[in-house]
Amino acid sequence: FTISRDNAKNTVHLQMDSLKPEDTGVYYCAAKGDVITTPY
């Protein structure tokens, strides 16, 4: 999986390759408005 931003389109993508059955689920995106929150 690869996450990336496209600020010009106000969009974030999640490219998912080599998908497995255990990847099945409901996927949600979430946003937190600050620049100090680490990805972890």
PDB file of all heavy atoms in Angstrom:
ATOM      1  N   PHE A   1       0.849  -1.191   0.000  1.00  0.00           N
ATOM      2  CA  PHE A   1       0.000   0.000   0.000  1.00  0.00           C
ATOM      3  C   PHE A   1       0.890   1.248   0.000  1.00  0.00           C
ATOM      4  O   PHE A   1       1.919   1.282   0.684  1.00  0.00           O
ATOM      5  CB  PHE A   1      -0.883   0.045   1.246  1.00  0.00           C
ATOM      6  CG  PHE A   1      -1.999  -0.971   1.278  1.00  0.00           C
ATOM      7  CD1 PHE A   1      -2.052  -2.045   0.393  1.00  0.00           C
ATOM      8  CD2 PHE A   1      -3.012  -0.853   2.219  1.00  0.00           C
ATOM      9  CE1 PHE A   1      -3.073  -2.970   0.437  1.00  0.00           C
ATOM     10  CE2 PHE A   1      -4.050  -1.767   2.276  1.00  0.00           C
ATOM     11  CZ  PHE A   1      -4.070  -2.829   1.389  1.00  0.00           C
ATOM     12  N   THR A   2       0.449   2.270  -0.722  1.00  0.00           N
ATOM     13  CA  THR A   2       1.176   3.534  -0.779  1.00  0.00           C
ATOM     14  C   THR A   2       0.196   4.676  -0.591  1.00  0.00           C
ATOM     15  O   THR A   2      -0.795   4.784  -1.315  1.00  0.00           O
ATOM     16  CB  THR A   2       1.893   3.709  -2.125  1.00  0.00           C
ATOM     17  OG1 THR A   2       2.776   2.598  -2.342  1.00  0.00           O
ATOM     18  CG2 THR A   2       2.710   5.002  -2.134  1.00  0.00           C
ATOM     19  N   ILE A   3       0.485   5.535   0.383  1.00  0.00           N
ATOM     20  CA  ILE A   3      -0.346   6.712   0.613  1.00  0.00           C
ATOM     21  C   ILE A   3       0.343   7.930   0.001  1.00  0.00           C
ATOM     22  O   ILE A   3       1.570   8.057   0.063  1.00  0.00           O
ATOM     23  CB  ILE A   3      -0.614   6.917   2.127  1.00  0.00           C
ATOM     24  CG1 ILE A   3      -1.625   8.031   2.358  1.00  0.00           C
ATOM     25  CG2 ILE A   3       0.687   7.167   2.888  1.00  0.00           C
ATOM     26  CD1 ILE A   3      -2.097   8.131   3.822  1.00  0.00           C
ATOM     27  N   SER A   4      -0.444   8.814  -0.607  1.00  0.00           N
ATOM     28  CA  SER A   4       0.138   9.999  -1.227  1.00  0.00           C
ATOM     29  C   SER A   4      -0.876  11.135  -1.196  1.00  0.00           C
ATOM     30  O   SER A   4      -2.085  10.903  -1.073  1.00  0.00           O
ATOM     31  CB  SER A   4       0.554   9.705  -2.671  1.00  0.00           C
ATOM     32  OG  SER A   4      -0.577   9.347  -3.461  1.00  0.00           O
ATOM     33  N   ARG A   5      -0.354  12.355  -1.319  1.00  0.00           N
ATOM     34  CA  ARG A   5      -1.205  13.534  -1.293  1.00  0.00           C
ATOM     35  C   ARG A   5      -1.216  14.200  -2.667  1.00  0.00           C
ATOM     36  O   ARG A   5      -0.218  14.183  -3.370  1.00  0.00           O
ATOM     37  CB  ARG A   5      -0.685  14.576  -0.298  1.00  0.00           C
ATOM     38  CG  ARG A   5      -0.303  14.096   1.052  1.00  0.00           C
ATOM     39  CD  ARG A   5       0.177  15.250   1.920  1.00  0.00           C
ATOM     40  NE  ARG A   5      -0.921  16.153   2.191  1.00  0.00           N
ATOM     41  CZ  ARG A   5      -1.531  16.229   3.365  1.00  0.00           C
ATOM     42  NH1 ARG A   5      -1.126  15.487   4.367  1.00  0.00           N
ATOM     43  NH2 ARG A   5      -2.533  17.064   3.541  1.00  0.00           N
ATOM     44  N   ASP A   6      -2.349  14.782  -3.021  1.00  0.00           N
ATOM     45  CA  ASP A   6      -2.463  15.639  -4.199  1.00  0.00           C
ATOM     46  C   ASP A   6      -3.134  16.912  -3.707  1.00  0.00           C
ATOM     47  O   ASP A   6      -4.362  17.056  -3.766  1.00  0.00           O
ATOM     48  CB  ASP A   6      -3.272  14.959  -5.303  1.00  0.00           C
ATOM     49  CG  ASP A   6      -3.312  15.770  -6.580  1.00  0.00           C
ATOM     50  OD1 ASP A   6      -2.954  16.972  -6.552  1.00  0.00           O
ATOM     51  OD2 ASP A   6      -3.697  15.227  -7.619  1.00  0.00           O
ATOM     52  N   ASN A   7      -2.329  17.845  -3.220  1.00  0.00           N
ATOM     53  CA  ASN A   7      -2.895  19.058  -2.623  1.00  0.00           C
ATOM     54  C   ASN A   7      -3.672  19.890  -3.647  1.00  0.00           C
ATOM     55  O   ASN A   7      -4.647  20.561  -3.290  1.00  0.00           O
ATOM     56  CB  ASN A   7      -1.791  19.898  -1.990  1.00  0.00           C
ATOM     57  CG  ASN A   7      -1.236  19.263  -0.722  1.00  0.00           C
ATOM     58  OD1 ASN A   7      -1.894  18.454  -0.075  1.00  0.00           O
ATOM     59  ND2 ASN A   7      -0.012  19.626  -0.365  1.00  0.00           N
ATOM     60  N   ALA A   8      -3.265  19.852  -4.889  1.00  0.00           N
ATOM     61  CA  ALA A   8      -3.960  20.622  -5.922  1.00  0.00           C
ATOM     62  C   ALA A   8      -5.414  20.167  -6.075  1.00  0.00           C
ATOM     63  O   ALA A   8      -6.289  20.956  -6.428  1.00  0.00           O
ATOM     64  CB  ALA A   8      -3.228  20.497  -7.253  1.00  0.00           C
ATOM     65  N   LYS A   9      -5.663  18.874  -5.794  1.00  0.00           N
ATOM     66  CA  LYS A   9      -7.015  18.327  -5.917  1.00  0.00           C
ATOM     67  C   LYS A   9      -7.665  18.125  -4.548  1.00  0.00           C
ATOM     68  O   LYS A   9      -8.752  17.554  -4.468  1.00  0.00           O
ATOM     69  CB  LYS A   9      -6.987  17.005  -6.684  1.00  0.00           C
ATOM     70  CG  LYS A   9      -6.542  17.159  -8.129  1.00  0.00           C
ATOM     71  CD  LYS A   9      -6.614  15.834  -8.877  1.00  0.00           C
ATOM     72  CE  LYS A   9      -6.220  16.023 -10.340  1.00  0.00           C
ATOM     73  NZ  LYS A   9      -6.270  14.755 -11.104  1.00  0.00           N
ATOM     74  N   ASN A  10      -6.950  18.576  -3.487  1.00  0.00           N
ATOM     75  CA  ASN A  10      -7.482  18.435  -2.125  1.00  0.00           C
ATOM     76  C   ASN A  10      -7.843  16.983  -1.814  1.00  0.00           C
ATOM     77  O   ASN A  10      -8.886  16.692  -1.227  1.00  0.00           O
ATOM     78  CB  ASN A  10      -8.709  19.335  -1.932  1.00  0.00           C
ATOM     79  CG  ASN A  10      -8.777  19.939  -0.542  1.00  0.00           C
ATOM     80  OD1 ASN A  10      -7.762  20.090   0.136  1.00  0.00           O
ATOM     81  ND2 ASN A  10      -9.981  20.293  -0.115  1.00  0.00           N
ATOM     82  N   THR A  11      -6.941  16.099  -2.222  1.00  0.00           N
ATOM     83  CA  THR A  11      -7.225  14.665  -2.173  1.00  0.00           C
ATOM     84  C   THR A  11      -6.003  13.900  -1.665  1.00  0.00           C
ATOM     85  O   THR A  11      -4.860  14.305  -1.911  1.00  0.00           O
ATOM     86  CB  THR A  11      -7.606  14.152  -3.581  1.00  0.00           C
ATOM     87  OG1 THR A  11      -8.813  14.798  -4.005  1.00  0.00           O
ATOM     88  CG2 THR A  11      -7.824  12.642  -3.596  1.00  0.00           C
ATOM     89  N   VAL A  12      -6.266  12.820  -0.945  1.00  0.00           N
ATOM     90  CA  VAL A  12      -5.224  11.881  -0.544  1.00  0.00           C
ATOM     91  C   VAL A  12      -5.611  10.517  -1.105  1.00  0.00           C
ATOM     92  O   VAL A  12      -6.771  10.117  -1.032  1.00  0.00           O
ATOM     93  CB  VAL A  12      -5.092  11.818   0.987  1.00  0.00           C
ATOM     94  CG1 VAL A  12      -4.128  10.712   1.399  1.00  0.00           C
ATOM     95  CG2 VAL A  12      -4.618  13.155   1.526  1.00  0.00           C
ATOM     96  N   HIS A  13      -4.629   9.830  -1.662  1.00  0.00           N
ATOM     97  CA  HIS A  13      -4.875   8.530  -2.271  1.00  0.00           C
ATOM     98  C   HIS A  13      -4.258   7.410  -1.442  1.00  0.00           C
ATOM     99  O   HIS A  13      -3.271   7.614  -0.731  1.00  0.00           O
ATOM    100  CB  HIS A  13      -4.265   8.479  -3.677  1.00  0.00           C
ATOM    101  CG  HIS A  13      -4.806   9.509  -4.611  1.00  0.00           C
ATOM    102  ND1 HIS A  13      -6.095   9.481  -5.100  1.00  0.00           N
ATOM    103  CD2 HIS A  13      -4.226  10.611  -5.149  1.00  0.00           C
ATOM    104  CE1 HIS A  13      -6.286  10.507  -5.904  1.00  0.00           C
ATOM    105  NE2 HIS A  13      -5.169  11.217  -5.952  1.00  0.00           N
ATOM    106  N   LEU A  14      -4.846   6.232  -1.576  1.00  0.00           N
ATOM    107  CA  LEU A  14      -4.248   5.015  -1.036  1.00  0.00           C
ATOM    108  C   LEU A  14      -4.207   3.993  -2.169  1.00  0.00           C
ATOM    109  O   LEU A  14      -5.248   3.462  -2.577  1.00  0.00           O
ATOM    110  CB  LEU A  14      -5.046   4.455   0.141  1.00  0.00           C
ATOM    111  CG  LEU A  14      -4.428   3.215   0.793  1.00  0.00           C
ATOM    112  CD1 LEU A  14      -3.112   3.585   1.492  1.00  0.00           C
ATOM    113  CD2 LEU A  14      -5.394   2.574   1.790  1.00  0.00           C
ATOM    114  N   GLN A  15      -3.013   3.781  -2.714  1.00  0.00           N
ATOM    115  CA  GLN A  15      -2.832   2.786  -3.767  1.00  0.00           C
ATOM    116  C   GLN A  15      -2.611   1.435  -3.098  1.00  0.00           C
ATOM    117  O   GLN A  15      -1.683   1.290  -2.306  1.00  0.00           O
ATOM    118  CB  GLN A  15      -1.629   3.139  -4.648  1.00  0.00           C
ATOM    119  CG  GLN A  15      -1.330   2.127  -5.743  1.00  0.00           C
ATOM    120  CD  GLN A  15      -2.419   2.044  -6.787  1.00  0.00           C
ATOM    121  OE1 GLN A  15      -2.971   3.065  -7.192  1.00  0.00           O
ATOM    122  NE2 GLN A  15      -2.739   0.831  -7.229  1.00  0.00           N
ATOM    123  N   MET A  16      -3.466   0.481  -3.430  1.00  0.00           N
ATOM    124  CA  MET A  16      -3.400  -0.836  -2.801  1.00  0.00           C
ATOM    125  C   MET A  16      -3.106  -1.876  -3.876  1.00  0.00           C
ATOM    126  O   MET A  16      -3.909  -2.083  -4.787  1.00  0.00           O
ATOM    127  CB  MET A  16      -4.731  -1.146  -2.100  1.00  0.00           C
ATOM    128  CG  MET A  16      -5.145  -0.104  -1.085  1.00  0.00           C
ATOM    129  SD  MET A  16      -6.617  -0.547  -0.149  1.00  0.00           S
ATOM    130  CE  MET A  16      -7.844  -0.522  -1.439  1.00  0.00           C
ATOM    131  N   ASP A  17      -1.963  -2.490  -3.779  1.00  0.00           N
ATOM    132  CA  ASP A  17      -1.537  -3.521  -4.739  1.00  0.00           C
ATOM    133  C   ASP A  17      -1.400  -4.864  -4.032  1.00  0.00           C
ATOM    134  O   ASP A  17      -1.331  -4.928  -2.813  1.00  0.00           O
ATOM    135  CB  ASP A  17      -0.200  -3.124  -5.374  1.00  0.00           C
ATOM    136  CG  ASP A  17      -0.291  -1.829  -6.154  1.00  0.00           C
ATOM    137  OD1 ASP A  17      -1.287  -1.631  -6.879  1.00  0.00           O
ATOM    138  OD2 ASP A  17       0.643  -0.999  -6.050  1.00  0.00           O
ATOM    139  N   SER A  18      -1.334  -5.919  -4.838  1.00  0.00           N
ATOM    140  CA  SER A  18      -1.182  -7.287  -4.305  1.00  0.00           C
ATOM    141  C   SER A  18      -2.173  -7.551  -3.179  1.00  0.00           C
ATOM    142  O   SER A  18      -1.806  -8.044  -2.108  1.00  0.00           O
ATOM    143  CB  SER A  18       0.259  -7.493  -3.802  1.00  0.00           C
ATOM    144  OG  SER A  18       1.187  -7.275  -4.848  1.00  0.00           O
ATOM    145  N   LEU A  19      -3.410  -7.211  -3.421  1.00  0.00           N
ATOM    146  CA  LEU A  19      -4.431  -7.321  -2.388  1.00  0.00           C
ATOM    147  C   LEU A  19      -4.652  -8.768  -1.968  1.00  0.00           C
ATOM    148  O   LEU A  19      -4.558  -9.692  -2.796  1.00  0.00           O
ATOM    149  CB  LEU A  19      -5.739  -6.686  -2.868  1.00  0.00           C
ATOM    150  CG  LEU A  19      -5.752  -5.156  -2.810  1.00  0.00           C
ATOM    151  CD1 LEU A  19      -6.834  -4.576  -3.698  1.00  0.00           C
ATOM    152  CD2 LEU A  19      -5.922  -4.682  -1.376  1.00  0.00           C
ATOM    153  N   LYS A  20      -4.957  -8.931  -0.692  1.00  0.00           N
ATOM    154  CA  LYS A  20      -5.188 -10.246  -0.095  1.00  0.00           C
ATOM    155  C   LYS A  20      -6.606 -10.283   0.495  1.00  0.00           C
ATOM    156  O   LYS A  20      -7.162  -9.234   0.838  1.00  0.00           O
ATOM    157  CB  LYS A  20      -4.171 -10.504   1.017  1.00  0.00           C
ATOM    158  CG  LYS A  20      -2.719 -10.408   0.573  1.00  0.00           C
ATOM    159  CD  LYS A  20      -1.790 -10.579   1.772  1.00  0.00           C
ATOM    160  CE  LYS A  20      -0.332 -10.486   1.361  1.00  0.00           C
ATOM    161  NZ  LYS A  20       0.583 -10.648   2.519  1.00  0.00           N
ATOM    162  N   PRO A  21      -7.163 -11.456   0.662  1.00  0.00           N
ATOM    163  CA  PRO A  21      -8.498 -11.538   1.275  1.00  0.00           C
ATOM    164  C   PRO A  21      -8.567 -10.860   2.634  1.00  0.00           C
ATOM    165  O   PRO A  21      -9.606 -10.278   2.991  1.00  0.00           O
ATOM    166  CB  PRO A  21      -8.724 -13.054   1.379  1.00  0.00           C
ATOM    167  CG  PRO A  21      -7.941 -13.626   0.256  1.00  0.00           C
ATOM    168  CD  PRO A  21      -6.712 -12.765   0.156  1.00  0.00           C
ATOM    169  N   GLU A  22      -7.481 -10.896   3.387  1.00  0.00           N
ATOM    170  CA  GLU A  22      -7.488 -10.268   4.710  1.00  0.00           C
ATOM    171  C   GLU A  22      -7.471  -8.740   4.649  1.00  0.00           C
ATOM    172  O   GLU A  22      -7.576  -8.075   5.674  1.00  0.00           O
ATOM    173  CB  GLU A  22      -6.308 -10.762   5.564  1.00  0.00           C
ATOM    174  CG  GLU A  22      -4.955 -10.665   4.890  1.00  0.00           C
ATOM    175  CD  GLU A  22      -4.545 -11.971   4.239  1.00  0.00           C
ATOM    176  OE1 GLU A  22      -5.393 -12.646   3.599  1.00  0.00           O
ATOM    177  OE2 GLU A  22      -3.350 -12.333   4.359  1.00  0.00           O
ATOM    178  N   ASP A  23      -7.357  -8.171   3.465  1.00  0.00           N
ATOM    179  CA  ASP A  23      -7.483  -6.720   3.303  1.00  0.00           C
ATOM    180  C   ASP A  23      -8.944  -6.286   3.206  1.00  0.00           C
ATOM    181  O   ASP A  23      -9.244  -5.090   3.177  1.00  0.00           O
ATOM    182  CB  ASP A  23      -6.747  -6.250   2.047  1.00  0.00           C
ATOM    183  CG  ASP A  23      -5.243  -6.447   2.129  1.00  0.00           C
ATOM    184  OD1 ASP A  23      -4.679  -6.186   3.200  1.00  0.00           O
ATOM    185  OD2 ASP A  23      -4.642  -6.852   1.113  1.00  0.00           O
ATOM    186  N   THR A  24      -9.840  -7.239   3.150  1.00  0.00           N
ATOM    187  CA  THR A  24     -11.269  -6.925   3.063  1.00  0.00           C
ATOM    188  C   THR A  24     -11.732  -6.140   4.279  1.00  0.00           C
ATOM    189  O   THR A  24     -11.351  -6.446   5.410  1.00  0.00           O
ATOM    190  CB  THR A  24     -12.089  -8.219   2.950  1.00  0.00           C
ATOM    191  OG1 THR A  24     -11.781  -8.848   1.702  1.00  0.00           O
ATOM    192  CG2 THR A  24     -13.585  -7.954   3.016  1.00  0.00           C
ATOM    193  N   GLY A  25     -12.552  -5.118   4.030  1.00  0.00           N
ATOM    194  CA  GLY A  25     -13.090  -4.329   5.123  1.00  0.00           C
ATOM    195  C   GLY A  25     -13.637  -3.013   4.623  1.00  0.00           C
ATOM    196  O   GLY A  25     -13.611  -2.726   3.416  1.00  0.00           O
ATOM    197  N   VAL A  26     -14.111  -2.207   5.560  1.00  0.00           N
ATOM    198  CA  VAL A  26     -14.540  -0.850   5.250  1.00  0.00           C
ATOM    199  C   VAL A  26     -13.368   0.082   5.542  1.00  0.00           C
ATOM    200  O   VAL A  26     -12.818   0.055   6.645  1.00  0.00           O
ATOM    201  CB  VAL A  26     -15.774  -0.443   6.067  1.00  0.00           C
ATOM    202  CG1 VAL A  26     -16.187   0.977   5.713  1.00  0.00           C
ATOM    203  CG2 VAL A  26     -16.919  -1.406   5.807  1.00  0.00           C
ATOM    204  N   TYR A  27     -13.008   0.860   4.549  1.00  0.00           N
ATOM    205  CA  TYR A  27     -11.861   1.767   4.662  1.00  0.00           C
ATOM    206  C   TYR A  27     -12.358   3.194   4.875  1.00  0.00           C
ATOM    207  O   TYR A  27     -13.224   3.678   4.132  1.00  0.00           O
ATOM    208  CB  TYR A  27     -11.003   1.689   3.415  1.00  0.00           C
ATOM    209  CG  TYR A  27     -10.138   0.449   3.365  1.00  0.00           C
ATOM    210  CD1 TYR A  27     -10.708  -0.808   3.190  1.00  0.00           C
ATOM    211  CD2 TYR A  27      -8.757   0.527   3.523  1.00  0.00           C
ATOM    212  CE1 TYR A  27      -9.920  -1.956   3.171  1.00  0.00           C
ATOM    213  CE2 TYR A  27      -7.958  -0.606   3.499  1.00  0.00           C
ATOM    214  CZ  TYR A  27      -8.551  -1.843   3.328  1.00  0.00           C
ATOM    215  OH  TYR A  27      -7.766  -2.969   3.310  1.00  0.00           O
ATOM    216  N   TYR A  28     -11.809   3.847   5.879  1.00  0.00           N
ATOM    217  CA  TYR A  28     -12.167   5.207   6.228  1.00  0.00           C
ATOM    218  C   TYR A  28     -10.942   6.107   6.117  1.00  0.00           C
ATOM    219  O   TYR A  28      -9.833   5.687   6.455  1.00  0.00           O
ATOM    220  CB  TYR A  28     -12.667   5.284   7.670  1.00  0.00           C
ATOM    221  CG  TYR A  28     -13.849   4.419   7.989  1.00  0.00           C
ATOM    222  CD1 TYR A  28     -13.674   3.092   8.398  1.00  0.00           C
ATOM    223  CD2 TYR A  28     -15.152   4.912   7.907  1.00  0.00           C
ATOM    224  CE1 TYR A  28     -14.757   2.287   8.708  1.00  0.00           C
ATOM    225  CE2 TYR A  28     -16.239   4.107   8.215  1.00  0.00           C
ATOM    226  CZ  TYR A  28     -16.033   2.804   8.608  1.00  0.00           C
ATOM    227  OH  TYR A  28     -17.109   2.005   8.915  1.00  0.00           O
ATOM    228  N   CYS A  29     -11.155   7.336   5.677  1.00  0.00           N
ATOM    229  CA  CYS A  29     -10.083   8.315   5.795  1.00  0.00           C
ATOM    230  C   CYS A  29     -10.433   9.275   6.919  1.00  0.00           C
ATOM    231  O   CYS A  29     -11.612   9.474   7.248  1.00  0.00           O
ATOM    232  CB  CYS A  29      -9.822   9.048   4.480  1.00  0.00           C
ATOM    233  SG  CYS A  29     -11.124  10.159   3.933  1.00  0.00           S
ATOM    234  N   ALA A  30      -9.398   9.842   7.507  1.00  0.00           N
ATOM    235  CA  ALA A  30      -9.559  10.764   8.620  1.00  0.00           C
ATOM    236  C   ALA A  30      -8.540  11.878   8.491  1.00  0.00           C
ATOM    237  O   ALA A  30      -7.463  11.688   7.920  1.00  0.00           O
ATOM    238  CB  ALA A  30      -9.389  10.023   9.947  1.00  0.00           C
ATOM    239  N   ALA A  31      -8.877  13.038   9.033  1.00  0.00           N
ATOM    240  CA  ALA A  31      -8.005  14.208   8.932  1.00  0.00           C
ATOM    241  C   ALA A  31      -7.852  14.886  10.284  1.00  0.00           C
ATOM    242  O   ALA A  31      -8.830  15.002  11.038  1.00  0.00           O
ATOM    243  CB  ALA A  31      -8.584  15.204   7.913  1.00  0.00           C
ATOM    244  N   LYS A  32      -6.628  15.301  10.555  1.00  0.00           N
ATOM    245  CA  LYS A  32      -6.321  16.018  11.802  1.00  0.00           C
ATOM    246  C   LYS A  32      -5.508  17.234  11.433  1.00  0.00           C
ATOM    247  O   LYS A  32      -4.437  17.107  10.842  1.00  0.00           O
ATOM    248  CB  LYS A  32      -5.554  15.108  12.760  1.00  0.00           C
ATOM    249  CG  LYS A  32      -5.390  15.657  14.164  1.00  0.00           C
ATOM    250  CD  LYS A  32      -4.804  14.587  15.086  1.00  0.00           C
ATOM    251  CE  LYS A  32      -4.786  15.008  16.538  1.00  0.00           C
ATOM    252  NZ  LYS A  32      -3.871  16.120  16.805  1.00  0.00           N
ATOM    253  N   GLY A  33      -6.011  18.397  11.836  1.00  0.00           N
ATOM    254  CA  GLY A  33      -5.456  19.649  11.322  1.00  0.00           C
ATOM    255  C   GLY A  33      -4.297  20.224  12.093  1.00  0.00           C
ATOM    256  O   GLY A  33      -4.421  21.266  12.732  1.00  0.00           O
ATOM    257  N   ASP A  34      -3.146  19.588  12.025  1.00  0.00           N
ATOM    258  CA  ASP A  34      -1.946  20.218  12.558  1.00  0.00           C
ATOM    259  C   ASP A  34      -0.740  19.627  11.846  1.00  0.00           C
ATOM    260  O   ASP A  34      -0.841  18.611  11.164  1.00  0.00           O
ATOM    261  CB  ASP A  34      -1.831  20.046  14.081  1.00  0.00           C
ATOM    262  CG  ASP A  34      -1.689  18.589  14.501  1.00  0.00           C
ATOM    263  OD1 ASP A  34      -0.728  17.932  14.039  1.00  0.00           O
ATOM    264  OD2 ASP A  34      -2.516  18.118  15.275  1.00  0.00           O
ATOM    265  N   VAL A  35       0.390  20.289  12.001  1.00  0.00           N
ATOM    266  CA  VAL A  35       1.606  19.859  11.295  1.00  0.00           C
ATOM    267  C   VAL A  35       2.558  19.092  12.192  1.00  0.00           C
ATOM    268  O   VAL A  35       3.642  18.714  11.768  1.00  0.00           O
ATOM    269  CB  VAL A  35       2.344  21.068  10.665  1.00  0.00           C
ATOM    270  CG1 VAL A  35       1.486  21.712   9.594  1.00  0.00           C
ATOM    271  CG2 VAL A  35       2.722  22.073  11.743  1.00  0.00           C
ATOM    272  N   ILE A  36       2.156  18.842  13.464  1.00  0.00           N
ATOM    273  CA  ILE A  36       3.079  18.147  14.358  1.00  0.00           C
ATOM    274  C   ILE A  36       2.687  16.694  14.577  1.00  0.00           C
ATOM    275  O   ILE A  36       3.458  15.932  15.140  1.00  0.00           O
ATOM    276  CB  ILE A  36       3.175  18.859  15.722  1.00  0.00           C
ATOM    277  CG1 ILE A  36       1.812  18.845  16.442  1.00  0.00           C
ATOM    278  CG2 ILE A  36       3.676  20.284  15.541  1.00  0.00           C
ATOM    279  CD1 ILE A  36       1.894  19.371  17.864  1.00  0.00           C
ATOM    280  N   THR A  37       1.484  16.323  14.140  1.00  0.00           N
ATOM    281  CA  THR A  37       1.075  14.928  14.313  1.00  0.00           C
ATOM    282  C   THR A  37       1.906  14.041  13.411  1.00  0.00           C
ATOM    283  O   THR A  37       1.928  14.217  12.187  1.00  0.00           O
ATOM    284  CB  THR A  37      -0.412  14.767  13.977  1.00  0.00           C
ATOM    285  OG1 THR A  37      -1.187  15.502  14.917  1.00  0.00           O
ATOM    286  CG2 THR A  37      -0.828  13.308  14.038  1.00  0.00           C
ATOM    287  N   THR A  38       2.577  13.061  14.001  1.00  0.00           N
ATOM    288  CA  THR A  38       3.383  12.142  13.203  1.00  0.00           C
ATOM    289  C   THR A  38       2.475  11.099  12.552  1.00  0.00           C
ATOM    290  O   THR A  38       1.392  10.797  13.059  1.00  0.00           O
ATOM    291  CB  THR A  38       4.425  11.427  14.063  1.00  0.00           C
ATOM    292  OG1 THR A  38       3.742  10.571  14.992  1.00  0.00           O
ATOM    293  CG2 THR A  38       5.292  12.419  14.815  1.00  0.00           C
ATOM    294  N   PRO A  39       2.912  10.522  11.447  1.00  0.00           N
ATOM    295  CA  PRO A  39       2.090   9.487  10.812  1.00  0.00           C
ATOM    296  C   PRO A  39       1.826   8.301  11.732  1.00  0.00           C
ATOM    297  O   PRO A  39       0.737   7.735  11.732  1.00  0.00           O
ATOM    298  CB  PRO A  39       2.929   9.082   9.587  1.00  0.00           C
ATOM    299  CG  PRO A  39       3.763  10.269   9.291  1.00  0.00           C
ATOM    300  CD  PRO A  39       4.082  10.875  10.620  1.00  0.00           C
ATOM    301  N   TYR A  40       2.834   7.915  12.519  1.00  0.00           N
ATOM    302  CA  TYR A  40       2.655   6.793  13.446  1.00  0.00           C
ATOM    303  C   TYR A  40       1.560   7.101  14.451  1.00  0.00           C
ATOM    304  O   TYR A  40       0.662   6.290  14.703  1.00  0.00           O
ATOM    305  CB  TYR A  40       3.967   6.498  14.168  1.00  0.00           C
ATOM    306  CG  TYR A  40       3.863   5.359  15.158  1.00  0.00           C
ATOM    307  CD1 TYR A  40       4.096   4.053  14.755  1.00  0.00           C
ATOM    308  CD2 TYR A  40       3.514   5.594  16.492  1.00  0.00           C
ATOM    309  CE1 TYR A  40       3.999   2.996  15.652  1.00  0.00           C
ATOM    310  CE2 TYR A  40       3.407   4.555  17.394  1.00  0.00           C
ATOM    311  CZ  TYR A  40       3.652   3.255  16.971  1.00  0.00           C
ATOM    312  OH  TYR A  40       3.537   2.227  17.852  1.00  0.00           O
TER     313      TYR A  40
END
